[in-house]
Amino acid sequence: MEWILWLIAAVALTVGEVLTVSFFLFPFAIGAFAAAAVAGVGAGTPAAVAAFAVLSLVSFGVVRPIARRHLRTPPQIRTGTAALIGRPAMVLERIANDEDVGCVRIGGEVWTARSYDDEEVIEAGRKVQVVEIRGATALVSE
């Protein structure tokens, strides 16, 4: 009967982990599943508690650092216009926001461009960096 209590605790901890996605409850859930298995074979309460403690600690040492690393990892591949942010560009036509003129070459593509700073005028031939994409217009800065 003790194994059922450990199993209920393990399921509750697992559900809690799924709802919070913090990778804090999962190591305890692993320990509770182990304690349920130990209690299920009739090893007794001290052995179940020891299994819970040992596997929870081991899980914290192994699973949590891996999980936290995956949570912090930025996407490796940016696609679409997000991939253009931070890229260098060459000004092909003078950029002047108040005159609504300007274009740049980003990679092999020509884009309508505006200066990120409304007052800044950027002459043709200058190298700039893409700060933002708004629709089909690149906002750039020197």
N, C-alpha and C. Protein backbone atom coordinates (compact mmCIF):
# COMPACT_ATOMS: atom_id res chain seq x y z
N MET A 1 0.82 -1.20 0.00
CA MET A 1 0.00 0.00 0.00
C MET A 1 0.87 1.27 0.00
N GLU A 2 2.06 1.19 0.60
CA GLU A 2 2.95 2.35 0.66
C GLU A 2 3.37 2.79 -0.74
N TRP A 3 3.58 1.85 -1.64
CA TRP A 3 4.01 2.17 -2.99
C TRP A 3 2.98 3.03 -3.72
N ILE A 4 1.70 2.87 -3.39
CA ILE A 4 0.65 3.68 -4.02
C ILE A 4 0.80 5.15 -3.60
N LEU A 5 1.13 5.38 -2.34
CA LEU A 5 1.33 6.76 -1.88
C LEU A 5 2.52 7.42 -2.60
N TRP A 6 3.61 6.64 -2.75
CA TRP A 6 4.77 7.17 -3.47
C TRP A 6 4.41 7.43 -4.94
N LEU A 7 3.61 6.54 -5.52
CA LEU A 7 3.21 6.70 -6.91
C LEU A 7 2.33 7.95 -7.08
N ILE A 8 1.41 8.16 -6.15
CA ILE A 8 0.58 9.36 -6.19
C ILE A 8 1.45 10.61 -6.07
N ALA A 9 2.41 10.57 -5.17
CA ALA A 9 3.32 11.72 -5.01
C ALA A 9 4.11 11.96 -6.30
N ALA A 10 4.57 10.89 -6.92
CA ALA A 10 5.35 11.01 -8.16
C ALA A 10 4.51 11.62 -9.27
N VAL A 11 3.28 11.15 -9.41
CA VAL A 11 2.40 11.68 -10.45
C VAL A 11 2.08 13.16 -10.17
N ALA A 12 1.80 13.49 -8.91
CA ALA A 12 1.51 14.88 -8.55
C ALA A 12 2.71 15.78 -8.85
N LEU A 13 3.92 15.32 -8.54
CA LEU A 13 5.12 16.11 -8.83
C LEU A 13 5.34 16.26 -10.34
N THR A 14 5.05 15.20 -11.08
CA THR A 14 5.19 15.26 -12.53
C THR A 14 4.21 16.26 -13.13
N VAL A 15 2.97 16.21 -12.67
CA VAL A 15 1.96 17.16 -13.15
C VAL A 15 2.38 18.59 -12.78
N GLY A 16 2.86 18.77 -11.57
CA GLY A 16 3.33 20.08 -11.15
C GLY A 16 4.46 20.58 -12.03
N GLU A 17 5.35 19.69 -12.42
CA GLU A 17 6.47 20.06 -13.30
C GLU A 17 5.96 20.47 -14.67
N VAL A 18 5.01 19.72 -15.19
CA VAL A 18 4.46 20.05 -16.50
C VAL A 18 3.79 21.42 -16.47
N LEU A 19 3.13 21.75 -15.38
CA LEU A 19 2.44 23.03 -15.28
C LEU A 19 3.38 24.21 -15.06
N THR A 20 4.53 23.99 -14.41
CA THR A 20 5.44 25.09 -14.11
C THR A 20 6.62 25.18 -15.07
N VAL A 21 7.05 24.08 -15.64
CA VAL A 21 8.19 24.02 -16.55
C VAL A 21 9.42 24.68 -15.96
N SER A 22 9.67 24.42 -14.70
CA SER A 22 10.82 25.03 -14.03
C SER A 22 11.97 24.05 -13.85
N PHE A 23 11.74 22.79 -14.10
CA PHE A 23 12.71 21.73 -13.88
C PHE A 23 13.19 21.70 -12.43
N PHE A 24 12.29 22.05 -11.53
CA PHE A 24 12.58 21.95 -10.12
C PHE A 24 11.89 20.73 -9.51
N LEU A 25 10.68 20.43 -9.92
CA LEU A 25 9.92 19.32 -9.36
C LEU A 25 10.28 17.97 -9.99
N PHE A 26 10.81 18.00 -11.20
CA PHE A 26 11.08 16.75 -11.91
C PHE A 26 12.06 15.83 -11.18
N PRO A 27 13.15 16.33 -10.62
CA PRO A 27 14.04 15.43 -9.88
C PRO A 27 13.34 14.76 -8.68
N PHE A 28 12.44 15.49 -8.01
CA PHE A 28 11.69 14.88 -6.92
C PHE A 28 10.73 13.81 -7.45
N ALA A 29 10.17 14.04 -8.63
CA ALA A 29 9.28 13.05 -9.24
C ALA A 29 10.05 11.77 -9.56
N ILE A 30 11.26 11.92 -10.07
CA ILE A 30 12.09 10.75 -10.36
C ILE A 30 12.37 9.98 -9.07
N GLY A 31 12.71 10.70 -8.01
CA GLY A 31 12.94 10.06 -6.71
C GLY A 31 11.70 9.37 -6.18
N ALA A 32 10.53 9.99 -6.36
CA ALA A 32 9.29 9.37 -5.89
C ALA A 32 8.94 8.12 -6.69
N PHE A 33 9.19 8.14 -8.00
CA PHE A 33 8.97 6.93 -8.80
C PHE A 33 9.90 5.80 -8.34
N ALA A 34 11.14 6.14 -8.04
CA ALA A 34 12.08 5.12 -7.54
C ALA A 34 11.63 4.59 -6.19
N ALA A 35 11.17 5.47 -5.32
CA ALA A 35 10.69 5.04 -4.00
C ALA A 35 9.46 4.15 -4.15
N ALA A 36 8.60 4.44 -5.11
CA ALA A 36 7.42 3.60 -5.36
C ALA A 36 7.86 2.21 -5.81
N ALA A 37 8.88 2.16 -6.67
CA ALA A 37 9.37 0.86 -7.13
C ALA A 37 9.98 0.06 -5.98
N VAL A 38 10.78 0.73 -5.14
CA VAL A 38 11.42 0.07 -3.99
C VAL A 38 10.36 -0.42 -3.01
N ALA A 39 9.37 0.42 -2.72
CA ALA A 39 8.30 0.02 -1.81
C ALA A 39 7.44 -1.08 -2.42
N GLY A 40 7.32 -1.07 -3.73
CA GLY A 40 6.52 -2.09 -4.42
C GLY A 40 7.11 -3.48 -4.32
N VAL A 41 8.42 -3.58 -4.21
CA VAL A 41 9.04 -4.90 -4.06
C VAL A 41 9.15 -5.31 -2.60
N GLY A 42 8.61 -4.48 -1.70
CA GLY A 42 8.55 -4.83 -0.28
C GLY A 42 9.80 -4.54 0.51
N ALA A 43 10.60 -3.58 0.09
CA ALA A 43 11.85 -3.29 0.78
C ALA A 43 11.66 -2.50 2.07
N GLY A 44 10.50 -1.89 2.27
CA GLY A 44 10.25 -1.16 3.52
C GLY A 44 10.42 0.34 3.37
N THR A 45 9.92 1.04 4.38
CA THR A 45 9.91 2.51 4.37
C THR A 45 11.31 3.11 4.36
N PRO A 46 12.24 2.64 5.21
CA PRO A 46 13.59 3.26 5.18
C PRO A 46 14.27 3.13 3.82
N ALA A 47 14.11 2.01 3.16
CA ALA A 47 14.71 1.82 1.84
C ALA A 47 14.04 2.72 0.81
N ALA A 48 12.73 2.89 0.90
CA ALA A 48 12.01 3.76 -0.04
C ALA A 48 12.43 5.21 0.15
N VAL A 49 12.55 5.64 1.40
CA VAL A 49 12.98 7.01 1.68
C VAL A 49 14.41 7.23 1.19
N ALA A 50 15.26 6.24 1.39
CA ALA A 50 16.65 6.34 0.92
C ALA A 50 16.69 6.41 -0.60
N ALA A 51 15.89 5.60 -1.27
CA ALA A 51 15.84 5.64 -2.74
C ALA A 51 15.35 7.00 -3.23
N PHE A 52 14.33 7.53 -2.54
CA PHE A 52 13.81 8.85 -2.89
C PHE A 52 14.90 9.92 -2.76
N ALA A 53 15.60 9.90 -1.63
CA ALA A 53 16.63 10.91 -1.37
C ALA A 53 17.79 10.80 -2.36
N VAL A 54 18.28 9.59 -2.56
CA VAL A 54 19.44 9.39 -3.44
C VAL A 54 19.10 9.76 -4.89
N LEU A 55 17.99 9.23 -5.41
CA LEU A 55 17.66 9.52 -6.80
C LEU A 55 17.27 10.98 -7.02
N SER A 56 16.67 11.61 -6.03
CA SER A 56 16.36 13.04 -6.17
C SER A 56 17.64 13.86 -6.26
N LEU A 57 18.62 13.55 -5.41
CA LEU A 57 19.89 14.27 -5.44
C LEU A 57 20.65 14.02 -6.75
N VAL A 58 20.67 12.77 -7.17
CA VAL A 58 21.35 12.44 -8.42
C VAL A 58 20.67 13.16 -9.58
N SER A 59 19.35 13.17 -9.57
CA SER A 59 18.60 13.83 -10.64
C SER A 59 18.89 15.33 -10.66
N PHE A 60 18.97 15.94 -9.48
CA PHE A 60 19.30 17.36 -9.42
C PHE A 60 20.68 17.60 -10.02
N GLY A 61 21.61 16.70 -9.74
CA GLY A 61 22.97 16.87 -10.25
C GLY A 61 23.11 16.61 -11.72
N VAL A 62 22.22 15.79 -12.30
CA VAL A 62 22.35 15.41 -13.71
C VAL A 62 21.30 16.08 -14.59
N VAL A 63 20.04 15.92 -14.25
CA VAL A 63 18.96 16.37 -15.12
C VAL A 63 18.79 17.88 -15.12
N ARG A 64 18.79 18.49 -13.98
CA ARG A 64 18.49 19.92 -13.90
C ARG A 64 19.50 20.79 -14.65
N PRO A 65 20.81 20.56 -14.52
CA PRO A 65 21.75 21.39 -15.30
C PRO A 65 21.55 21.24 -16.81
N ILE A 66 21.25 20.05 -17.26
CA ILE A 66 21.01 19.84 -18.69
C ILE A 66 19.75 20.59 -19.12
N ALA A 67 18.70 20.46 -18.33
CA ALA A 67 17.44 21.12 -18.66
C ALA A 67 17.60 22.64 -18.65
N ARG A 68 18.30 23.18 -17.69
CA ARG A 68 18.49 24.63 -17.61
C ARG A 68 19.30 25.14 -18.80
N ARG A 69 20.28 24.37 -19.24
CA ARG A 69 21.07 24.75 -20.41
C ARG A 69 20.18 24.84 -21.65
N HIS A 70 19.24 23.89 -21.77
CA HIS A 70 18.35 23.90 -22.93
C HIS A 70 17.36 25.06 -22.86
N LEU A 71 16.96 25.46 -21.68
CA LEU A 71 16.05 26.59 -21.54
C LEU A 71 16.72 27.90 -21.93
N ARG A 72 18.01 28.02 -21.69
CA ARG A 72 18.74 29.26 -21.95
C ARG A 72 19.32 29.35 -23.36
N THR A 73 19.32 28.25 -24.08
CA THR A 73 19.92 28.24 -25.41
C THR A 73 19.06 29.02 -26.39
N PRO A 74 19.62 30.05 -27.02
CA PRO A 74 18.83 30.78 -28.02
C PRO A 74 18.65 29.94 -29.27
N PRO A 75 17.66 30.23 -30.04
CA PRO A 75 17.49 29.48 -31.29
C PRO A 75 18.74 29.61 -32.14
N GLN A 76 19.21 28.50 -32.67
CA GLN A 76 20.43 28.50 -33.46
C GLN A 76 20.22 29.05 -34.86
N ILE A 77 19.01 28.86 -35.36
CA ILE A 77 18.75 29.26 -36.72
C ILE A 77 17.61 30.28 -36.73
N ARG A 78 17.94 31.49 -37.09
CA ARG A 78 16.89 32.49 -37.28
C ARG A 78 16.53 32.49 -38.75
N THR A 79 15.26 32.62 -39.03
CA THR A 79 14.80 32.59 -40.41
C THR A 79 14.03 33.85 -40.74
N GLY A 80 13.76 34.03 -42.01
CA GLY A 80 12.99 35.17 -42.46
C GLY A 80 13.70 36.48 -42.15
N THR A 81 12.91 37.50 -41.84
CA THR A 81 13.49 38.81 -41.58
C THR A 81 14.29 38.84 -40.28
N ALA A 82 13.98 37.94 -39.35
CA ALA A 82 14.74 37.89 -38.09
C ALA A 82 16.21 37.57 -38.35
N ALA A 83 16.48 36.84 -39.42
CA ALA A 83 17.86 36.48 -39.75
C ALA A 83 18.66 37.69 -40.25
N LEU A 84 17.98 38.75 -40.63
CA LEU A 84 18.67 39.93 -41.16
C LEU A 84 19.14 40.89 -40.07
N ILE A 85 18.55 40.81 -38.90
CA ILE A 85 18.89 41.72 -37.80
C ILE A 85 20.37 41.53 -37.44
N GLY A 86 21.09 42.63 -37.39
CA GLY A 86 22.51 42.59 -37.04
C GLY A 86 23.44 42.39 -38.22
N ARG A 87 22.91 42.11 -39.39
CA ARG A 87 23.76 41.89 -40.55
C ARG A 87 24.25 43.21 -41.14
N PRO A 88 25.40 43.20 -41.77
CA PRO A 88 25.90 44.41 -42.42
C PRO A 88 25.15 44.64 -43.73
N ALA A 89 25.09 45.89 -44.14
CA ALA A 89 24.44 46.25 -45.40
C ALA A 89 25.24 47.39 -46.04
N MET A 90 25.10 47.53 -47.34
CA MET A 90 25.75 48.61 -48.09
C MET A 90 24.67 49.56 -48.59
N VAL A 91 24.86 50.84 -48.31
CA VAL A 91 23.89 51.85 -48.76
C VAL A 91 24.06 52.06 -50.25
N LEU A 92 23.01 51.81 -51.03
CA LEU A 92 23.05 51.99 -52.48
C LEU A 92 22.52 53.36 -52.88
N GLU A 93 21.53 53.85 -52.15
CA GLU A 93 20.93 55.16 -52.40
C GLU A 93 20.86 55.91 -51.08
N ARG A 94 21.24 57.17 -51.09
CA ARG A 94 21.24 58.01 -49.90
C ARG A 94 19.97 57.78 -49.07
N ILE A 95 20.16 57.63 -47.76
CA ILE A 95 19.04 57.40 -46.85
C ILE A 95 18.73 58.70 -46.12
N ALA A 96 17.52 59.20 -46.34
CA ALA A 96 17.05 60.41 -45.67
C ALA A 96 15.57 60.19 -45.34
N ASN A 97 15.27 60.00 -44.08
CA ASN A 97 13.90 59.67 -43.68
C ASN A 97 12.90 60.77 -44.05
N ASP A 98 13.29 62.02 -43.89
CA ASP A 98 12.35 63.11 -44.18
C ASP A 98 12.02 63.24 -45.67
N GLU A 99 12.87 62.67 -46.53
CA GLU A 99 12.63 62.70 -47.98
C GLU A 99 12.06 61.38 -48.49
N ASP A 100 11.92 60.38 -47.60
CA ASP A 100 11.43 59.03 -47.97
C ASP A 100 12.27 58.41 -49.08
N VAL A 101 13.59 58.51 -48.97
CA VAL A 101 14.47 57.90 -49.95
C VAL A 101 15.48 57.01 -49.23
N GLY A 102 15.98 56.03 -49.96
CA GLY A 102 17.05 55.20 -49.44
C GLY A 102 16.84 53.73 -49.74
N CYS A 103 17.95 53.07 -50.06
CA CYS A 103 17.92 51.61 -50.20
C CYS A 103 19.30 51.06 -49.90
N VAL A 104 19.30 49.81 -49.48
CA VAL A 104 20.53 49.12 -49.11
C VAL A 104 20.56 47.74 -49.74
N ARG A 105 21.76 47.19 -49.81
CA ARG A 105 21.91 45.80 -50.23
C ARG A 105 22.30 45.00 -48.99
N ILE A 106 21.46 44.01 -48.68
CA ILE A 106 21.72 43.10 -47.56
C ILE A 106 21.96 41.74 -48.19
N GLY A 107 23.19 41.27 -48.08
CA GLY A 107 23.52 40.04 -48.79
C GLY A 107 23.42 40.32 -50.28
N GLY A 108 22.57 39.61 -50.98
CA GLY A 108 22.39 39.87 -52.41
C GLY A 108 21.07 40.54 -52.72
N GLU A 109 20.34 40.96 -51.70
CA GLU A 109 19.01 41.54 -51.91
C GLU A 109 19.02 43.04 -51.69
N VAL A 110 18.22 43.75 -52.48
CA VAL A 110 18.08 45.19 -52.33
C VAL A 110 16.81 45.45 -51.52
N TRP A 111 16.95 46.26 -50.48
CA TRP A 111 15.84 46.59 -49.59
C TRP A 111 15.65 48.10 -49.54
N THR A 112 14.39 48.51 -49.42
CA THR A 112 14.10 49.89 -49.07
C THR A 112 14.64 50.09 -47.67
N ALA A 113 15.24 51.26 -47.42
CA ALA A 113 15.87 51.47 -46.11
C ALA A 113 15.52 52.84 -45.55
N ARG A 114 15.47 52.88 -44.25
CA ARG A 114 15.31 54.12 -43.51
C ARG A 114 16.32 54.09 -42.36
N SER A 115 16.74 55.26 -41.94
CA SER A 115 17.66 55.36 -40.82
C SER A 115 16.91 55.07 -39.53
N TYR A 116 17.53 54.34 -38.64
CA TYR A 116 16.91 54.04 -37.34
C TYR A 116 16.72 55.33 -36.55
N ASP A 117 17.67 56.24 -36.69
CA ASP A 117 17.58 57.58 -36.08
C ASP A 117 16.98 58.51 -37.13
N ASP A 118 15.80 59.04 -36.87
CA ASP A 118 15.09 59.87 -37.85
C ASP A 118 15.91 61.03 -38.40
N GLU A 119 16.79 61.60 -37.60
CA GLU A 119 17.57 62.77 -38.01
C GLU A 119 18.81 62.42 -38.81
N GLU A 120 19.23 61.18 -38.78
CA GLU A 120 20.49 60.78 -39.42
C GLU A 120 20.30 60.61 -40.93
N VAL A 121 21.19 61.19 -41.70
CA VAL A 121 21.23 61.02 -43.15
C VAL A 121 22.49 60.21 -43.45
N ILE A 122 22.32 59.14 -44.22
CA ILE A 122 23.44 58.25 -44.53
C ILE A 122 23.67 58.26 -46.03
N GLU A 123 24.87 58.59 -46.42
CA GLU A 123 25.21 58.72 -47.83
C GLU A 123 25.46 57.36 -48.48
N ALA A 124 25.28 57.32 -49.80
CA ALA A 124 25.52 56.09 -50.57
C ALA A 124 26.97 55.66 -50.43
N GLY A 125 27.20 54.37 -50.43
CA GLY A 125 28.54 53.82 -50.31
C GLY A 125 28.97 53.51 -48.89
N ARG A 126 28.19 53.94 -47.90
CA ARG A 126 28.53 53.69 -46.49
C ARG A 126 28.08 52.30 -46.09
N LYS A 127 28.82 51.72 -45.15
CA LYS A 127 28.41 50.44 -44.57
C LYS A 127 27.57 50.72 -43.33
N VAL A 128 26.48 50.00 -43.20
CA VAL A 128 25.56 50.16 -42.07
C VAL A 128 25.22 48.77 -41.52
N GLN A 129 24.49 48.79 -40.44
CA GLN A 129 24.06 47.54 -39.81
C GLN A 129 22.54 47.56 -39.71
N VAL A 130 21.91 46.42 -39.99
CA VAL A 130 20.45 46.31 -39.91
C VAL A 130 20.06 46.21 -38.44
N VAL A 131 19.20 47.13 -38.01
CA VAL A 131 18.75 47.18 -36.63
C VAL A 131 17.39 46.51 -36.49
N GLU A 132 16.54 46.71 -37.49
CA GLU A 132 15.17 46.21 -37.41
C GLU A 132 14.61 46.10 -38.81
N ILE A 133 13.62 45.22 -38.99
CA ILE A 133 12.89 45.13 -40.25
C ILE A 133 11.44 45.45 -39.94
N ARG A 134 10.89 46.44 -40.65
CA ARG A 134 9.48 46.78 -40.54
C ARG A 134 8.84 46.60 -41.89
N GLY A 135 8.06 45.56 -42.01
CA GLY A 135 7.45 45.26 -43.31
C GLY A 135 8.53 44.93 -44.31
N ALA A 136 8.59 45.74 -45.40
CA ALA A 136 9.61 45.53 -46.43
C ALA A 136 10.70 46.59 -46.35
N THR A 137 10.83 47.22 -45.20
CA THR A 137 11.82 48.29 -45.03
C THR A 137 12.82 47.92 -43.93
N ALA A 138 14.08 48.09 -44.26
CA ALA A 138 15.14 47.83 -43.27
C ALA A 138 15.47 49.13 -42.55
N LEU A 139 15.46 49.08 -41.24
CA LEU A 139 15.92 50.22 -40.44
C LEU A 139 17.39 49.97 -40.14
N VAL A 140 18.24 50.93 -40.48
CA VAL A 140 19.69 50.73 -40.38
C VAL A 140 20.33 51.83 -39.56
N SER A 141 21.54 51.55 -39.14
CA SER A 141 22.32 52.52 -38.36
C SER A 141 23.79 52.33 -38.69
N GLU A 142 24.55 53.43 -38.63
CA GLU A 142 25.99 53.33 -38.89
C GLU A 142 26.72 52.78 -37.72
